[in-house]
Amino acid sequence: MDIIGDRKFVEIPGEKQHELPPLLVHSSPNMKRLDKVMDMANRIVESDDMIAPELLDEVAAALDVDRRKMDLALTLVEQYKGLAMHWQWGDDVLEWIRQCETTFDTNRDLRNVLRPDVWPHAGRSSFVTLLADKSVDTNGIELDKAVGLRLAFRQLPPIGLFSDQFLFYLKSALAATAYQTWTHMVPDPVSSLPPERFHFQIYSM
């Protein structure tokens, strides 16, 4: 095991660079019915009383209230699209890790690098670290939160299942906590994959 600074890296036999499967990522969230998403956002605005009651009592401000409701609904949709994009990236990364496991299993030099644990063992977070070490361009997606959301939700829930508080404030904390809990379950020694020993392509779908 190589130790560089405070990082530990697994030792891989030989010196050649290993080719991993390509990482296929979606360039946009899979939302075919934006009108339906917008309708659900409007319901959240109405049911969660997001407009101050005193404004609702002012007849002269009715148009302003409607405009504010529309703005809030649009903001909720944007928040949900960001959540959906993170979840989609997390799903794509986990699928990539599955494919990498197969590559490791069929390569004599890599076969013993991964612990033979049942998926999705937290030790597989070393692949997420590898993506960060390789400076993968995620277009603003935070990998830890993306994987955390995918760990928390097997399928992306519709916007109607979320509260405004979750979409505005809680989603980031939940995603980060899920990922950190997952990674901290790795038994010692916690080791990273040496980035210079691996190569892979990234394709947008």
N, C-alpha and C. Protein backbone atom coordinates (compact mmCIF):
# COMPACT_ATOMS: atom_id res chain seq x y z
N MET A 1 0.84 -1.19 0.00
CA MET A 1 0.00 0.00 0.00
C MET A 1 0.87 1.24 0.00
N ASP A 2 0.63 2.15 -0.94
CA ASP A 2 1.37 3.40 -1.01
C ASP A 2 0.68 4.46 -0.15
N ILE A 3 1.46 5.25 0.56
CA ILE A 3 0.93 6.33 1.38
C ILE A 3 1.53 7.64 0.89
N ILE A 4 0.67 8.54 0.43
CA ILE A 4 1.11 9.85 -0.05
C ILE A 4 0.34 10.90 0.74
N GLY A 5 1.07 11.64 1.57
CA GLY A 5 0.42 12.61 2.45
C GLY A 5 -0.48 11.88 3.42
N ASP A 6 -1.76 12.25 3.46
CA ASP A 6 -2.71 11.57 4.34
C ASP A 6 -3.57 10.58 3.56
N ARG A 7 -3.18 10.31 2.31
CA ARG A 7 -3.93 9.39 1.46
C ARG A 7 -3.21 8.05 1.36
N LYS A 8 -4.00 6.98 1.37
CA LYS A 8 -3.47 5.63 1.16
C LYS A 8 -4.00 5.12 -0.18
N PHE A 9 -3.12 4.53 -0.98
CA PHE A 9 -3.50 4.04 -2.30
C PHE A 9 -3.18 2.55 -2.39
N VAL A 10 -4.10 1.80 -2.99
CA VAL A 10 -3.87 0.37 -3.15
C VAL A 10 -2.73 0.15 -4.15
N GLU A 11 -2.01 -0.93 -3.96
CA GLU A 11 -0.94 -1.28 -4.88
C GLU A 11 -1.50 -2.16 -5.99
N ILE A 12 -1.19 -1.79 -7.21
CA ILE A 12 -1.65 -2.53 -8.38
C ILE A 12 -0.42 -3.08 -9.11
N PRO A 13 -0.37 -4.38 -9.35
CA PRO A 13 0.80 -4.98 -10.01
C PRO A 13 1.09 -4.35 -11.37
N GLY A 14 2.37 -4.31 -11.72
CA GLY A 14 2.76 -3.79 -13.03
C GLY A 14 2.79 -2.28 -13.06
N GLU A 15 2.95 -1.76 -14.26
CA GLU A 15 3.03 -0.30 -14.43
C GLU A 15 2.06 0.23 -15.48
N LYS A 16 1.38 -0.67 -16.18
CA LYS A 16 0.53 -0.20 -17.27
C LYS A 16 -0.73 0.49 -16.76
N GLN A 17 -1.31 1.31 -17.63
CA GLN A 17 -2.55 2.01 -17.31
C GLN A 17 -3.72 1.13 -17.76
N HIS A 18 -4.68 0.97 -16.87
CA HIS A 18 -5.82 0.11 -17.15
C HIS A 18 -7.00 0.92 -17.69
N GLU A 19 -7.66 0.37 -18.70
CA GLU A 19 -8.82 1.02 -19.32
C GLU A 19 -10.08 0.57 -18.60
N LEU A 20 -10.84 1.54 -18.08
CA LEU A 20 -12.12 1.25 -17.43
C LEU A 20 -13.26 1.52 -18.41
N PRO A 21 -14.45 0.98 -18.15
CA PRO A 21 -15.60 1.25 -19.03
C PRO A 21 -15.88 2.74 -19.10
N PRO A 22 -16.46 3.21 -20.19
CA PRO A 22 -16.80 4.63 -20.29
C PRO A 22 -17.91 4.99 -19.30
N LEU A 23 -17.84 6.20 -18.80
CA LEU A 23 -18.89 6.72 -17.92
C LEU A 23 -19.92 7.42 -18.79
N LEU A 24 -21.13 6.88 -18.83
CA LEU A 24 -22.21 7.45 -19.63
C LEU A 24 -23.11 8.27 -18.72
N VAL A 25 -23.19 9.56 -18.97
CA VAL A 25 -23.98 10.44 -18.11
C VAL A 25 -25.05 11.15 -18.93
N HIS A 26 -26.18 11.38 -18.29
CA HIS A 26 -27.27 12.11 -18.94
C HIS A 26 -27.00 13.61 -18.84
N SER A 27 -27.16 14.30 -19.93
CA SER A 27 -26.88 15.74 -19.95
C SER A 27 -28.05 16.58 -19.46
N SER A 28 -29.21 15.96 -19.27
CA SER A 28 -30.37 16.68 -18.76
C SER A 28 -31.24 15.70 -17.98
N PRO A 29 -32.00 16.22 -17.01
CA PRO A 29 -32.87 15.33 -16.23
C PRO A 29 -33.99 14.74 -17.08
N ASN A 30 -34.39 13.54 -16.75
CA ASN A 30 -35.43 12.84 -17.53
C ASN A 30 -36.81 13.28 -17.05
N MET A 31 -37.27 14.42 -17.55
CA MET A 31 -38.60 14.92 -17.21
C MET A 31 -39.35 15.22 -18.50
N LYS A 32 -40.20 14.29 -18.90
CA LYS A 32 -40.90 14.41 -20.17
C LYS A 32 -42.11 15.33 -20.08
N ARG A 33 -42.71 15.45 -18.91
CA ARG A 33 -43.93 16.24 -18.75
C ARG A 33 -43.68 17.42 -17.83
N LEU A 34 -43.04 18.47 -18.36
CA LEU A 34 -42.77 19.65 -17.55
C LEU A 34 -44.06 20.32 -17.10
N ASP A 35 -45.11 20.20 -17.91
CA ASP A 35 -46.39 20.80 -17.53
C ASP A 35 -46.93 20.14 -16.27
N LYS A 36 -46.74 18.82 -16.17
CA LYS A 36 -47.19 18.09 -14.98
C LYS A 36 -46.35 18.47 -13.77
N VAL A 37 -45.06 18.63 -13.97
CA VAL A 37 -44.17 19.04 -12.89
C VAL A 37 -44.58 20.43 -12.39
N MET A 38 -44.88 21.32 -13.32
CA MET A 38 -45.29 22.68 -12.96
C MET A 38 -46.60 22.66 -12.19
N ASP A 39 -47.51 21.80 -12.60
CA ASP A 39 -48.79 21.68 -11.90
C ASP A 39 -48.59 21.21 -10.46
N MET A 40 -47.70 20.24 -10.27
CA MET A 40 -47.41 19.76 -8.92
C MET A 40 -46.75 20.86 -8.09
N ALA A 41 -45.89 21.66 -8.71
CA ALA A 41 -45.25 22.76 -7.99
C ALA A 41 -46.29 23.78 -7.53
N ASN A 42 -47.27 24.05 -8.38
CA ASN A 42 -48.35 24.97 -8.00
C ASN A 42 -49.13 24.43 -6.80
N ARG A 43 -49.33 23.12 -6.77
CA ARG A 43 -50.04 22.53 -5.63
C ARG A 43 -49.23 22.66 -4.34
N ILE A 44 -47.91 22.52 -4.45
CA ILE A 44 -47.06 22.68 -3.26
C ILE A 44 -47.18 24.10 -2.74
N VAL A 45 -47.14 25.08 -3.65
CA VAL A 45 -47.26 26.49 -3.24
C VAL A 45 -48.57 26.73 -2.52
N GLU A 46 -49.66 26.14 -3.02
CA GLU A 46 -50.97 26.32 -2.41
C GLU A 46 -51.09 25.60 -1.07
N SER A 47 -50.62 24.35 -1.02
CA SER A 47 -50.83 23.54 0.18
C SER A 47 -49.88 23.89 1.32
N ASP A 48 -48.70 24.40 0.99
CA ASP A 48 -47.72 24.70 2.04
C ASP A 48 -47.80 26.15 2.52
N ASP A 49 -48.83 26.90 2.06
CA ASP A 49 -49.03 28.28 2.50
C ASP A 49 -47.74 29.09 2.39
N MET A 50 -47.17 29.12 1.20
CA MET A 50 -45.89 29.81 1.02
C MET A 50 -46.05 31.32 0.85
N ILE A 51 -47.29 31.80 0.71
CA ILE A 51 -47.55 33.23 0.62
C ILE A 51 -48.08 33.71 1.96
N ALA A 52 -47.54 34.81 2.44
CA ALA A 52 -47.94 35.35 3.74
C ALA A 52 -49.45 35.62 3.77
N PRO A 53 -50.15 35.17 4.84
CA PRO A 53 -51.62 35.34 4.91
C PRO A 53 -52.08 36.77 4.76
N GLU A 54 -51.29 37.74 5.27
CA GLU A 54 -51.74 39.13 5.19
C GLU A 54 -51.86 39.61 3.74
N LEU A 55 -51.03 39.04 2.85
CA LEU A 55 -51.14 39.42 1.44
C LEU A 55 -52.42 38.89 0.82
N LEU A 56 -52.83 37.72 1.27
CA LEU A 56 -54.03 37.11 0.71
C LEU A 56 -55.28 37.90 1.07
N ASP A 57 -55.23 38.70 2.12
CA ASP A 57 -56.40 39.45 2.57
C ASP A 57 -56.55 40.77 1.83
N GLU A 58 -55.55 41.13 1.06
CA GLU A 58 -55.60 42.41 0.37
C GLU A 58 -56.08 42.19 -1.07
N VAL A 59 -57.30 42.63 -1.32
CA VAL A 59 -57.89 42.42 -2.64
C VAL A 59 -57.07 43.12 -3.71
N ALA A 60 -56.54 44.30 -3.41
CA ALA A 60 -55.78 45.06 -4.38
C ALA A 60 -54.49 44.35 -4.79
N ALA A 61 -54.05 43.46 -3.91
CA ALA A 61 -52.77 42.78 -4.18
C ALA A 61 -52.98 41.41 -4.82
N ALA A 62 -54.20 41.11 -5.28
CA ALA A 62 -54.50 39.78 -5.81
C ALA A 62 -53.59 39.40 -6.98
N LEU A 63 -53.41 40.36 -7.88
CA LEU A 63 -52.55 40.08 -9.03
C LEU A 63 -51.11 39.84 -8.61
N ASP A 64 -50.65 40.62 -7.64
CA ASP A 64 -49.28 40.47 -7.14
C ASP A 64 -49.10 39.11 -6.47
N VAL A 65 -50.13 38.67 -5.74
CA VAL A 65 -50.08 37.36 -5.09
C VAL A 65 -49.99 36.25 -6.13
N ASP A 66 -50.79 36.38 -7.19
CA ASP A 66 -50.75 35.36 -8.25
C ASP A 66 -49.36 35.32 -8.90
N ARG A 67 -48.78 36.50 -9.10
CA ARG A 67 -47.45 36.55 -9.70
C ARG A 67 -46.42 35.90 -8.79
N ARG A 68 -46.52 36.18 -7.49
CA ARG A 68 -45.58 35.58 -6.53
C ARG A 68 -45.74 34.07 -6.47
N LYS A 69 -46.98 33.61 -6.55
CA LYS A 69 -47.21 32.16 -6.56
C LYS A 69 -46.56 31.51 -7.78
N MET A 70 -46.71 32.17 -8.92
CA MET A 70 -46.10 31.64 -10.14
C MET A 70 -44.58 31.62 -10.02
N ASP A 71 -44.01 32.70 -9.48
CA ASP A 71 -42.55 32.76 -9.30
C ASP A 71 -42.07 31.65 -8.36
N LEU A 72 -42.82 31.43 -7.28
CA LEU A 72 -42.45 30.37 -6.34
C LEU A 72 -42.52 29.00 -7.00
N ALA A 73 -43.57 28.78 -7.77
CA ALA A 73 -43.72 27.50 -8.46
C ALA A 73 -42.58 27.27 -9.44
N LEU A 74 -42.21 28.32 -10.18
CA LEU A 74 -41.09 28.20 -11.12
C LEU A 74 -39.78 27.91 -10.39
N THR A 75 -39.60 28.56 -9.24
CA THR A 75 -38.39 28.32 -8.44
C THR A 75 -38.35 26.89 -7.93
N LEU A 76 -39.51 26.37 -7.50
CA LEU A 76 -39.57 24.98 -7.04
C LEU A 76 -39.22 24.01 -8.18
N VAL A 77 -39.70 24.32 -9.38
CA VAL A 77 -39.38 23.47 -10.52
C VAL A 77 -37.88 23.48 -10.79
N GLU A 78 -37.26 24.66 -10.70
CA GLU A 78 -35.81 24.74 -10.90
C GLU A 78 -35.06 23.96 -9.83
N GLN A 79 -35.53 24.05 -8.59
CA GLN A 79 -34.91 23.29 -7.50
C GLN A 79 -35.04 21.79 -7.75
N TYR A 80 -36.21 21.38 -8.22
CA TYR A 80 -36.45 19.96 -8.50
C TYR A 80 -35.59 19.49 -9.67
N LYS A 81 -35.44 20.33 -10.69
CA LYS A 81 -34.61 19.96 -11.83
C LYS A 81 -33.16 19.75 -11.38
N GLY A 82 -32.69 20.60 -10.46
CA GLY A 82 -31.34 20.43 -9.93
C GLY A 82 -31.21 19.13 -9.16
N LEU A 83 -32.23 18.82 -8.36
CA LEU A 83 -32.24 17.55 -7.61
C LEU A 83 -32.26 16.38 -8.58
N ALA A 84 -33.10 16.47 -9.62
CA ALA A 84 -33.21 15.38 -10.59
C ALA A 84 -31.90 15.17 -11.34
N MET A 85 -31.21 16.28 -11.65
CA MET A 85 -29.94 16.17 -12.36
C MET A 85 -28.89 15.50 -11.48
N HIS A 86 -28.85 15.86 -10.19
CA HIS A 86 -27.92 15.21 -9.26
C HIS A 86 -28.25 13.72 -9.13
N TRP A 87 -29.55 13.40 -8.97
CA TRP A 87 -29.94 11.99 -8.82
C TRP A 87 -29.54 11.21 -10.07
N GLN A 88 -29.75 11.79 -11.25
CA GLN A 88 -29.43 11.10 -12.49
C GLN A 88 -27.93 10.82 -12.59
N TRP A 89 -27.13 11.80 -12.21
CA TRP A 89 -25.68 11.59 -12.20
C TRP A 89 -25.31 10.48 -11.22
N GLY A 90 -25.94 10.50 -10.05
CA GLY A 90 -25.66 9.45 -9.06
C GLY A 90 -26.01 8.08 -9.60
N ASP A 91 -27.13 7.98 -10.29
CA ASP A 91 -27.53 6.70 -10.88
C ASP A 91 -26.54 6.27 -11.96
N ASP A 92 -26.09 7.22 -12.77
CA ASP A 92 -25.11 6.90 -13.82
C ASP A 92 -23.78 6.45 -13.21
N VAL A 93 -23.36 7.11 -12.14
CA VAL A 93 -22.09 6.74 -11.50
C VAL A 93 -22.17 5.35 -10.89
N LEU A 94 -23.28 5.02 -10.23
CA LEU A 94 -23.41 3.68 -9.64
C LEU A 94 -23.42 2.60 -10.72
N GLU A 95 -24.06 2.90 -11.85
CA GLU A 95 -24.04 1.94 -12.96
C GLU A 95 -22.62 1.77 -13.49
N TRP A 96 -21.89 2.86 -13.57
CA TRP A 96 -20.49 2.80 -14.01
C TRP A 96 -19.65 1.96 -13.04
N ILE A 97 -19.90 2.12 -11.75
CA ILE A 97 -19.15 1.34 -10.76
C ILE A 97 -19.43 -0.14 -10.93
N ARG A 98 -20.68 -0.49 -11.22
CA ARG A 98 -21.02 -1.91 -11.46
C ARG A 98 -20.20 -2.46 -12.64
N GLN A 99 -20.11 -1.64 -13.69
CA GLN A 99 -19.36 -2.08 -14.86
C GLN A 99 -17.86 -2.18 -14.54
N CYS A 100 -17.37 -1.26 -13.73
CA CYS A 100 -15.96 -1.31 -13.32
C CYS A 100 -15.69 -2.58 -12.51
N GLU A 101 -16.64 -2.98 -11.68
CA GLU A 101 -16.46 -4.21 -10.90
C GLU A 101 -16.25 -5.40 -11.82
N THR A 102 -17.04 -5.45 -12.89
CA THR A 102 -16.89 -6.54 -13.86
C THR A 102 -15.50 -6.51 -14.49
N THR A 103 -15.05 -5.30 -14.83
CA THR A 103 -13.71 -5.15 -15.41
C THR A 103 -12.64 -5.63 -14.44
N PHE A 104 -12.77 -5.28 -13.18
CA PHE A 104 -11.80 -5.71 -12.18
C PHE A 104 -11.81 -7.23 -12.03
N ASP A 105 -13.01 -7.82 -12.05
CA ASP A 105 -13.13 -9.27 -11.86
C ASP A 105 -12.50 -10.05 -13.00
N THR A 106 -12.49 -9.48 -14.20
CA THR A 106 -11.98 -10.21 -15.36
C THR A 106 -10.51 -9.88 -15.67
N ASN A 107 -9.92 -8.98 -14.88
CA ASN A 107 -8.53 -8.60 -15.10
C ASN A 107 -7.66 -9.20 -14.00
N ARG A 108 -6.68 -9.98 -14.39
CA ARG A 108 -5.85 -10.69 -13.41
C ARG A 108 -5.13 -9.73 -12.47
N ASP A 109 -4.67 -8.59 -12.98
CA ASP A 109 -3.95 -7.63 -12.15
C ASP A 109 -4.86 -6.87 -11.19
N LEU A 110 -6.15 -6.82 -11.49
CA LEU A 110 -7.08 -6.02 -10.69
C LEU A 110 -8.01 -6.87 -9.84
N ARG A 111 -8.01 -8.17 -10.07
CA ARG A 111 -9.01 -9.05 -9.47
C ARG A 111 -9.03 -8.98 -7.95
N ASN A 112 -7.87 -8.83 -7.33
CA ASN A 112 -7.80 -8.86 -5.87
C ASN A 112 -7.79 -7.47 -5.23
N VAL A 113 -7.99 -6.44 -6.05
CA VAL A 113 -7.97 -5.07 -5.51
C VAL A 113 -9.23 -4.77 -4.71
N LEU A 114 -10.38 -5.19 -5.24
CA LEU A 114 -11.65 -4.94 -4.55
C LEU A 114 -11.96 -6.05 -3.56
N ARG A 115 -12.47 -5.67 -2.42
CA ARG A 115 -12.92 -6.67 -1.47
C ARG A 115 -14.15 -7.39 -2.05
N PRO A 116 -14.24 -8.69 -1.86
CA PRO A 116 -15.38 -9.44 -2.44
C PRO A 116 -16.64 -9.29 -1.62
N ASP A 117 -17.09 -8.06 -1.46
CA ASP A 117 -18.29 -7.81 -0.65
C ASP A 117 -19.52 -7.69 -1.52
N VAL A 118 -20.65 -7.86 -0.90
CA VAL A 118 -21.91 -7.75 -1.63
C VAL A 118 -22.18 -6.27 -1.96
N TRP A 119 -22.58 -6.03 -3.18
CA TRP A 119 -22.96 -4.68 -3.61
C TRP A 119 -24.13 -4.17 -2.80
N PRO A 120 -24.21 -2.88 -2.49
CA PRO A 120 -23.25 -1.84 -2.84
C PRO A 120 -22.35 -1.52 -1.65
N HIS A 121 -21.29 -2.27 -1.46
CA HIS A 121 -20.42 -2.04 -0.32
C HIS A 121 -19.84 -0.64 -0.37
N ALA A 122 -19.71 -0.04 0.80
CA ALA A 122 -19.23 1.33 0.87
C ALA A 122 -17.82 1.49 0.33
N GLY A 123 -17.06 0.39 0.27
CA GLY A 123 -15.72 0.47 -0.28
C GLY A 123 -15.70 0.91 -1.72
N ARG A 124 -16.85 0.78 -2.39
CA ARG A 124 -16.93 1.20 -3.78
C ARG A 124 -16.89 2.73 -3.92
N SER A 125 -16.93 3.43 -2.81
CA SER A 125 -16.79 4.89 -2.87
C SER A 125 -15.42 5.29 -3.39
N SER A 126 -14.47 4.35 -3.42
CA SER A 126 -13.15 4.65 -3.98
C SER A 126 -13.27 5.03 -5.45
N PHE A 127 -14.31 4.55 -6.14
CA PHE A 127 -14.51 4.92 -7.54
C PHE A 127 -15.00 6.36 -7.64
N VAL A 128 -15.80 6.80 -6.68
CA VAL A 128 -16.24 8.20 -6.67
C VAL A 128 -15.04 9.11 -6.42
N THR A 129 -14.17 8.68 -5.51
CA THR A 129 -12.94 9.44 -5.25
C THR A 129 -12.07 9.48 -6.49
N LEU A 130 -12.04 8.36 -7.23
CA LEU A 130 -11.26 8.32 -8.47
C LEU A 130 -11.76 9.34 -9.47
N LEU A 131 -13.08 9.48 -9.59
CA LEU A 131 -13.63 10.49 -10.50
C LEU A 131 -13.18 11.89 -10.11
N ALA A 132 -13.16 12.16 -8.81
CA ALA A 132 -12.71 13.47 -8.34
C ALA A 132 -11.22 13.65 -8.61
N ASP A 133 -10.43 12.60 -8.37
CA ASP A 133 -8.99 12.68 -8.60
C ASP A 133 -8.66 12.89 -10.08
N LYS A 134 -9.52 12.39 -10.96
CA LYS A 134 -9.30 12.55 -12.40
C LYS A 134 -9.88 13.88 -12.91
N SER A 135 -10.40 14.69 -11.99
CA SER A 135 -10.95 16.02 -12.34
C SER A 135 -12.02 15.94 -13.43
N VAL A 136 -12.93 15.00 -13.24
CA VAL A 136 -14.03 14.83 -14.20
C VAL A 136 -14.92 16.08 -14.20
N ASP A 137 -15.22 16.58 -15.38
CA ASP A 137 -16.09 17.74 -15.51
C ASP A 137 -17.55 17.31 -15.30
N THR A 138 -18.14 17.75 -14.22
CA THR A 138 -19.50 17.34 -13.89
C THR A 138 -20.53 18.42 -14.17
N ASN A 139 -20.10 19.53 -14.77
CA ASN A 139 -21.03 20.64 -15.06
C ASN A 139 -21.75 21.12 -13.81
N GLY A 140 -21.00 21.22 -12.72
CA GLY A 140 -21.57 21.75 -11.49
C GLY A 140 -22.21 20.72 -10.58
N ILE A 141 -22.27 19.48 -11.00
CA ILE A 141 -22.84 18.42 -10.17
C ILE A 141 -21.83 18.02 -9.10
N GLU A 142 -22.27 18.00 -7.84
CA GLU A 142 -21.41 17.56 -6.74
C GLU A 142 -21.55 16.05 -6.61
N LEU A 143 -20.45 15.34 -6.90
CA LEU A 143 -20.52 13.89 -6.99
C LEU A 143 -20.98 13.24 -5.69
N ASP A 144 -20.49 13.73 -4.55
CA ASP A 144 -20.88 13.10 -3.29
C ASP A 144 -22.38 13.23 -3.05
N LYS A 145 -22.93 14.40 -3.35
CA LYS A 145 -24.37 14.61 -3.16
C LYS A 145 -25.19 13.85 -4.20
N ALA A 146 -24.64 13.74 -5.41
CA ALA A 146 -25.34 12.99 -6.46
C ALA A 146 -25.46 11.52 -6.07
N VAL A 147 -24.36 10.92 -5.64
CA VAL A 147 -24.38 9.53 -5.22
C VAL A 147 -25.22 9.38 -3.96
N GLY A 148 -25.14 10.35 -3.05
CA GLY A 148 -25.94 10.31 -1.83
C GLY A 148 -27.43 10.28 -2.12
N LEU A 149 -27.87 11.11 -3.07
CA LEU A 149 -29.29 11.11 -3.44
C LEU A 149 -29.70 9.77 -4.04
N ARG A 150 -28.82 9.20 -4.87
CA ARG A 150 -29.14 7.90 -5.47
C ARG A 150 -29.18 6.80 -4.42
N LEU A 151 -28.33 6.90 -3.40
CA LEU A 151 -28.36 5.92 -2.32
C LEU A 151 -29.64 6.06 -1.50
N ALA A 152 -30.14 7.30 -1.37
CA ALA A 152 -31.35 7.54 -0.58
C ALA A 152 -32.62 7.17 -1.35
N PHE A 153 -32.61 7.38 -2.67
CA PHE A 153 -33.80 7.13 -3.48
C PHE A 153 -33.45 6.18 -4.61
N ARG A 154 -34.04 5.00 -4.58
CA ARG A 154 -33.79 4.03 -5.64
C ARG A 154 -34.31 4.53 -6.98
N GLN A 155 -35.46 5.21 -6.94
CA GLN A 155 -36.00 5.88 -8.11
C GLN A 155 -36.26 7.33 -7.76
N LEU A 156 -36.18 8.19 -8.74
CA LEU A 156 -36.42 9.61 -8.49
C LEU A 156 -37.90 9.85 -8.19
N PRO A 157 -38.23 10.31 -6.98
CA PRO A 157 -39.65 10.58 -6.66
C PRO A 157 -40.16 11.79 -7.44
N PRO A 158 -41.46 11.83 -7.73
CA PRO A 158 -42.02 13.02 -8.39
C PRO A 158 -41.98 14.21 -7.44
N ILE A 159 -42.02 15.39 -8.01
CA ILE A 159 -41.91 16.61 -7.22
C ILE A 159 -43.00 16.70 -6.16
N GLY A 160 -44.17 16.11 -6.43
CA GLY A 160 -45.28 16.20 -5.50
C GLY A 160 -45.04 15.53 -4.16
N LEU A 161 -44.04 14.66 -4.08
CA LEU A 161 -43.74 13.98 -2.82
C LEU A 161 -42.83 14.80 -1.91
N PHE A 162 -42.30 15.90 -2.44
CA PHE A 162 -41.38 16.72 -1.64
C PHE A 162 -42.09 17.96 -1.11
N SER A 163 -41.67 18.39 0.05
CA SER A 163 -42.14 19.67 0.57
C SER A 163 -41.26 20.78 0.03
N ASP A 164 -41.74 22.01 0.13
CA ASP A 164 -40.91 23.13 -0.29
C ASP A 164 -39.65 23.21 0.57
N GLN A 165 -39.77 22.85 1.85
CA GLN A 165 -38.61 22.89 2.74
C GLN A 165 -37.53 21.91 2.30
N PHE A 166 -37.96 20.75 1.83
CA PHE A 166 -36.98 19.77 1.36
C PHE A 166 -36.27 20.30 0.10
N LEU A 167 -37.05 20.81 -0.84
CA LEU A 167 -36.46 21.26 -2.09
C LEU A 167 -35.53 22.45 -1.90
N PHE A 168 -35.86 23.33 -0.95
CA PHE A 168 -35.04 24.51 -0.74
C PHE A 168 -33.86 24.27 0.19
N TYR A 169 -34.06 23.50 1.26
CA TYR A 169 -33.05 23.44 2.31
C TYR A 169 -32.53 22.04 2.65
N LEU A 170 -33.40 21.03 2.61
CA LEU A 170 -33.05 19.75 3.21
C LEU A 170 -32.38 18.77 2.26
N LYS A 171 -32.58 18.92 0.96
CA LYS A 171 -32.06 17.92 0.02
C LYS A 171 -30.54 17.82 0.06
N SER A 172 -29.88 18.97 0.19
CA SER A 172 -28.42 18.97 0.20
C SER A 172 -27.87 18.27 1.44
N ALA A 173 -28.48 18.56 2.60
CA ALA A 173 -28.03 17.94 3.85
C ALA A 173 -28.29 16.44 3.83
N LEU A 174 -29.44 16.02 3.31
CA LEU A 174 -29.76 14.59 3.25
C LEU A 174 -28.77 13.86 2.35
N ALA A 175 -28.50 14.44 1.18
CA ALA A 175 -27.60 13.80 0.23
C ALA A 175 -26.20 13.67 0.80
N ALA A 176 -25.70 14.75 1.42
CA ALA A 176 -24.36 14.72 1.98
C ALA A 176 -24.26 13.72 3.12
N THR A 177 -25.29 13.67 3.97
CA THR A 177 -25.29 12.74 5.10
C THR A 177 -25.33 11.30 4.62
N ALA A 178 -26.14 11.02 3.61
CA ALA A 178 -26.23 9.66 3.08
C ALA A 178 -24.89 9.21 2.53
N TYR A 179 -24.22 10.10 1.80
CA TYR A 179 -22.93 9.72 1.22
C TYR A 179 -21.87 9.53 2.31
N GLN A 180 -21.81 10.45 3.26
CA GLN A 180 -20.81 10.35 4.31
C GLN A 180 -21.02 9.09 5.16
N THR A 181 -22.26 8.78 5.46
CA THR A 181 -22.56 7.55 6.21
C THR A 181 -22.10 6.32 5.44
N TRP A 182 -22.35 6.34 4.15
CA TRP A 182 -21.95 5.23 3.28
C TRP A 182 -20.44 5.05 3.27
N THR A 183 -19.71 6.15 3.08
CA THR A 183 -18.25 6.05 3.00
C THR A 183 -17.63 5.67 4.33
N HIS A 184 -18.23 6.11 5.43
CA HIS A 184 -17.65 5.83 6.75
C HIS A 184 -17.86 4.38 7.19
N MET A 185 -18.62 3.63 6.42
CA MET A 185 -18.81 2.22 6.73
C MET A 185 -17.69 1.34 6.17
N VAL A 186 -16.74 1.97 5.47
CA VAL A 186 -15.63 1.22 4.89
C VAL A 186 -14.71 0.74 6.01
N PRO A 187 -14.41 -0.55 6.09
CA PRO A 187 -13.47 -1.03 7.11
C PRO A 187 -12.05 -0.58 6.80
N ASP A 188 -11.25 -0.38 7.82
CA ASP A 188 -9.85 0.00 7.64
C ASP A 188 -9.07 -1.14 7.00
N PRO A 189 -8.04 -0.84 6.23
CA PRO A 189 -7.60 0.51 5.86
C PRO A 189 -8.41 1.07 4.71
N VAL A 190 -8.70 2.38 4.78
CA VAL A 190 -9.42 3.05 3.71
C VAL A 190 -8.41 3.45 2.63
N SER A 191 -8.55 2.90 1.45
CA SER A 191 -7.56 3.12 0.41
C SER A 191 -8.21 3.65 -0.86
N SER A 192 -7.46 4.47 -1.58
CA SER A 192 -7.92 5.03 -2.84
C SER A 192 -7.29 4.28 -4.01
N LEU A 193 -7.89 4.43 -5.17
CA LEU A 193 -7.34 3.86 -6.39
C LEU A 193 -6.39 4.89 -7.01
N PRO A 194 -5.17 4.50 -7.35
CA PRO A 194 -4.21 5.47 -7.92
C PRO A 194 -4.70 5.99 -9.27
N PRO A 195 -5.01 7.26 -9.40
CA PRO A 195 -5.62 7.79 -10.64
C PRO A 195 -4.74 7.64 -11.87
N GLU A 196 -3.42 7.64 -11.69
CA GLU A 196 -2.54 7.54 -12.85
C GLU A 196 -2.54 6.16 -13.48
N ARG A 197 -3.12 5.17 -12.80
CA ARG A 197 -3.14 3.81 -13.31
C ARG A 197 -4.43 3.47 -14.06
N PHE A 198 -5.34 4.46 -14.17
CA PHE A 198 -6.62 4.18 -14.82
C PHE A 198 -6.96 5.25 -15.85
N HIS A 199 -7.68 4.81 -16.87
CA HIS A 199 -8.13 5.73 -17.92
C HIS A 199 -9.54 5.33 -18.33
N PHE A 200 -10.37 6.32 -18.62
CA PHE A 200 -11.72 6.06 -19.10
C PHE A 200 -12.26 7.30 -19.82
N GLN A 201 -13.23 7.07 -20.68
CA GLN A 201 -13.87 8.16 -21.41
C GLN A 201 -15.20 8.51 -20.75
N ILE A 202 -15.65 9.73 -20.98
CA ILE A 202 -16.95 10.19 -20.48
C ILE A 202 -17.80 10.63 -21.68
N TYR A 203 -19.00 10.11 -21.76
CA TYR A 203 -19.90 10.43 -22.86
C TYR A 203 -21.23 10.95 -22.31
N SER A 204 -21.72 12.02 -22.91
CA SER A 204 -23.03 12.57 -22.52
C SER A 204 -24.10 11.95 -23.40
N MET A 205 -25.22 11.62 -22.78
CA MET A 205 -26.33 11.02 -23.50
C MET A 205 -27.50 11.99 -23.57
